[in-house]
Amino acid sequence: MDQDVGRMILTPALCRAARGLVDWTQSELAERSQVSRSTIRDFEGSRHDIHRATAAQIRHAFEDGGVVFVNMEGYGLGVCMDSASAPDPS
């Protein structure tokens, strides 16, 4: 799969998972991505799709927050935290 194509994929489940990793509310994600909270709510609830540009804004906000999107062969796209951005477990 072409990496540029993979970078544009954002599903409602991945959005919720990434928000959980950084412990952001929908409002915090909306502020950081400059996307309305209602758009995020409706997307995460699978009520409507979002445009590629909107997905890119959301993904960029997550990546700025330390989320890494990874293509897991046989499973598709997943999310994890950049080890430098992960909270200290102690």
Protein backbone atom coordinates (compact mmCIF):
# COMPACT_ATOMS: atom_id res chain seq x y z
CA MET A 1 0.00 0.00 0.00
CA ASP A 2 1.27 3.50 -0.84
CA GLN A 3 2.22 5.36 2.36
CA ASP A 4 0.51 8.59 1.23
CA VAL A 5 -2.76 6.71 0.77
CA GLY A 6 -2.35 5.08 4.18
CA ARG A 7 -1.74 8.47 5.80
CA MET A 8 -5.19 9.65 4.75
CA ILE A 9 -7.10 6.83 6.39
CA LEU A 10 -8.93 7.75 9.57
CA THR A 11 -11.86 5.71 10.78
CA PRO A 12 -14.27 6.56 13.60
CA ALA A 13 -12.76 3.75 15.72
CA LEU A 14 -9.20 5.00 15.13
CA CYS A 15 -10.27 8.51 16.03
CA ARG A 16 -11.77 7.30 19.34
CA ALA A 17 -8.70 5.13 20.04
CA ALA A 18 -6.27 7.96 19.35
CA ARG A 19 -8.29 10.30 21.59
CA GLY A 20 -8.09 7.69 24.34
CA LEU A 21 -4.31 7.44 24.00
CA VAL A 22 -3.84 11.18 24.51
CA ASP A 23 -6.77 11.43 26.95
CA TRP A 24 -8.51 14.22 25.02
CA THR A 25 -12.19 15.01 25.04
CA GLN A 26 -13.95 15.65 21.76
CA SER A 27 -13.81 19.35 22.62
CA GLU A 28 -10.04 19.22 23.12
CA LEU A 29 -9.60 17.44 19.79
CA ALA A 30 -11.86 20.00 18.13
CA GLU A 31 -9.75 22.86 19.46
CA ARG A 32 -6.43 21.25 18.56
CA SER A 33 -7.55 20.22 15.06
CA GLN A 34 -9.68 23.30 14.32
CA VAL A 35 -12.59 21.02 13.42
CA SER A 36 -16.00 21.53 15.03
CA ARG A 37 -16.89 19.31 17.96
CA SER A 38 -20.16 18.36 16.24
CA THR A 39 -18.22 17.10 13.20
CA ILE A 40 -15.99 15.00 15.46
CA ARG A 41 -18.99 13.70 17.42
CA ASP A 42 -20.88 12.76 14.27
CA PHE A 43 -17.81 11.15 12.67
CA GLU A 44 -16.94 9.11 15.77
CA GLY A 45 -20.57 8.04 16.04
CA SER A 46 -20.52 6.95 12.38
CA ARG A 47 -23.32 9.39 11.58
CA HIS A 48 -21.41 10.80 8.59
CA ASP A 49 -18.07 10.65 6.80
CA ILE A 50 -15.58 13.50 6.79
CA HIS A 51 -13.65 15.06 3.93
CA ARG A 52 -10.01 14.09 3.39
CA ALA A 53 -8.87 17.59 4.42
CA THR A 54 -10.77 17.30 7.70
CA ALA A 55 -9.32 13.85 8.37
CA ALA A 56 -5.86 15.27 7.69
CA GLN A 57 -6.43 18.10 10.19
CA ILE A 58 -7.53 15.64 12.86
CA ARG A 59 -4.69 13.26 12.16
CA HIS A 60 -2.14 16.08 12.25
CA ALA A 61 -3.44 17.16 15.67
CA PHE A 62 -3.05 13.61 16.96
CA GLU A 63 0.45 13.31 15.54
CA ASP A 64 1.40 16.64 17.18
CA GLY A 65 0.11 15.12 20.42
CA GLY A 66 2.39 12.08 20.09
CA VAL A 67 0.08 9.56 18.42
CA VAL A 68 1.69 7.35 15.78
CA PHE A 69 -0.44 5.75 13.08
CA VAL A 70 0.99 2.38 12.04
CA ASN A 71 0.04 0.01 9.25
CA MET A 72 -0.08 -3.47 10.77
CA GLU A 73 0.17 -6.01 7.99
CA GLY A 74 -2.89 -8.20 7.91
CA TYR A 75 -4.79 -5.93 10.30
CA GLY A 76 -4.78 -2.46 8.77
CA LEU A 77 -4.10 0.85 10.43
CA GLY A 78 -3.60 1.11 14.18
CA VAL A 79 -2.45 3.70 16.70
CA CYS A 80 0.18 3.85 19.43
CA MET A 81 2.06 6.53 21.34
CA ASP A 82 5.47 7.83 20.38
CA SER A 83 7.72 6.58 23.20
CA ALA A 84 9.08 10.11 23.69
CA SER A 85 5.53 11.40 24.20
CA ALA A 86 4.22 8.58 26.39
CA PRO A 87 3.53 9.43 30.03
CA ASP A 88 6.10 8.30 32.59
CA PRO A 89 4.68 5.16 34.30
CA SER A 90 6.36 5.93 37.67
